Protein backbone atom coordinates (compact mmCIF):
# COMPACT_ATOMS: atom_id res chain seq x y z
CA MET A 1 117.52 94.51 117.34
CA LYS A 2 118.72 97.40 119.46
CA PRO A 3 116.19 99.40 121.49
CA TRP A 4 114.16 101.86 119.42
CA TYR A 5 115.83 104.77 121.21
CA ALA A 6 119.34 105.94 121.92
CA PRO A 7 119.97 106.52 125.64
CA ALA A 8 120.40 110.25 124.96
CA GLN A 9 116.87 110.29 123.60
CA LEU A 10 115.21 109.08 126.79
CA ALA A 11 114.54 112.67 127.83
CA LEU A 12 112.49 113.10 124.66
CA LEU A 13 109.88 110.61 125.89
CA ALA A 14 108.05 113.45 127.60
CA ASP A 15 106.95 114.53 124.11
CA PRO A 16 103.52 113.05 123.30
CA ILE A 17 104.68 112.26 119.75
CA ASP A 18 107.52 110.14 121.11
CA GLU A 19 105.17 108.31 123.45
CA SER A 20 102.76 107.65 120.57
CA PHE A 21 105.64 106.55 118.37
CA MET A 22 106.91 104.11 120.98
CA ASP A 23 103.45 102.58 121.35
CA PHE A 24 102.98 102.35 117.58
CA HIS A 25 106.45 100.95 116.92
CA HIS A 26 106.15 98.22 119.51
CA GLY A 27 102.62 97.36 118.37
CA ASN A 28 103.53 97.30 114.67
CA PRO A 29 107.03 95.86 114.19
CA ALA A 30 106.22 95.00 110.56
CA VAL A 31 106.27 98.72 109.72
CA TYR A 32 109.92 98.99 110.77
CA ARG A 33 110.84 95.89 108.78
CA ALA A 34 108.99 97.18 105.70
CA LEU A 35 110.67 100.59 105.89
CA VAL A 36 114.11 98.98 106.23
CA SER A 37 113.36 96.73 103.25
CA LEU A 38 112.25 99.69 101.11
CA ALA A 39 115.32 101.73 102.12
CA ARG A 40 117.61 98.85 101.18
CA GLN A 41 115.86 98.45 97.82
CA TRP A 42 116.40 102.17 97.20
CA LYS A 43 120.07 101.90 98.20
CA ASP A 44 120.58 98.78 96.06
CA ALA A 45 119.22 100.75 93.09
CA GLY A 46 122.22 103.08 93.46
CA HIS A 47 120.85 105.89 95.62
CA GLU A 48 122.88 107.24 98.54
CA ARG A 49 120.13 109.31 100.17
CA CYS A 50 116.48 108.65 100.81
CA SER A 51 113.43 110.47 102.12
CA MET A 52 111.54 108.72 104.92
CA ASP A 53 108.46 110.61 103.73
CA MET A 54 108.81 108.92 100.33
CA LEU A 55 109.07 105.51 102.00
CA PHE A 56 106.00 106.26 104.14
CA HIS A 57 103.96 107.14 101.05
CA ARG A 58 105.12 103.99 99.28
CA LEU A 59 104.18 101.92 102.34
CA ARG A 60 100.75 103.59 102.48
CA TRP A 61 100.24 102.65 98.84
CA ASP A 62 101.31 99.04 99.40
CA TYR A 63 99.17 98.62 102.53
CA GLY A 64 96.23 100.34 100.84
CA ILE A 65 96.36 97.92 97.92
CA GLU A 66 97.09 94.77 99.95
CA THR A 67 95.00 95.32 103.09
CA ARG A 68 91.27 94.90 103.55
CA GLY A 69 89.20 95.82 106.58
CA ASP A 70 90.26 98.45 109.11
CA THR A 71 92.19 101.37 107.68
CA PHE A 72 95.87 101.16 108.53
CA ARG A 73 97.35 104.55 109.35
CA LEU A 74 100.92 105.79 109.32
CA ASN A 75 101.25 109.05 111.23
CA ASP A 76 103.35 111.67 109.41
CA HIS A 77 104.78 112.71 112.77
CA PHE A 78 106.55 109.35 112.96
CA THR A 79 108.72 109.81 109.85
CA SER A 80 111.52 111.59 111.72
CA ARG A 81 111.44 108.99 114.49
CA TYR A 82 111.69 106.10 112.02
CA ALA A 83 114.54 107.84 110.17
CA ARG A 84 116.47 108.14 113.45
CA LEU A 85 115.62 104.61 114.55
CA ILE A 86 116.70 103.03 111.28
CA SER A 87 119.87 105.13 111.13
CA ALA A 88 120.76 104.03 114.67
CA ASN A 89 119.99 100.33 114.23
CA GLU A 90 120.93 99.57 110.63
CA PRO A 91 124.61 100.45 110.01
CA ASP A 92 124.29 100.06 106.24
CA LEU A 93 121.51 102.70 106.24
CA ALA A 94 123.03 105.09 108.80
CA SER A 95 123.70 107.85 106.26
CA MET A 96 120.57 107.44 104.13
CA PHE A 97 118.37 109.94 105.95
CA ALA A 98 118.90 113.62 106.69
CA THR A 99 117.33 114.71 109.96
CA ARG A 100 116.71 118.04 111.62
CA SER A 101 116.89 118.73 115.32
CA LEU A 102 113.82 117.72 117.25
CA ARG A 103 112.23 120.22 119.58
CA GLY A 104 114.05 120.02 122.89
CA GLU A 105 117.34 118.78 121.43
């Protein structure tokens, strides 16, 4: 897998959200894999576009049903970062997500 960031995004690491995202992503690689799997299921069903927010809510549902013990949390601030990461690293999903400019871009 490619790094979670594009070299041009290194300057964005000064943003606390990006630092938190990096920590979360590296500590929870299963989240990335689950989001990619859900996006591919959506695409295989004939859809060309997808909302990362929708995938996050689906993942929350799945984890809420399947997980016992400590509450697993997906931060809403990470949706845009996952959309960019998946678009950059998964060529078949590169056009699935619309993104807006991040602050500082």
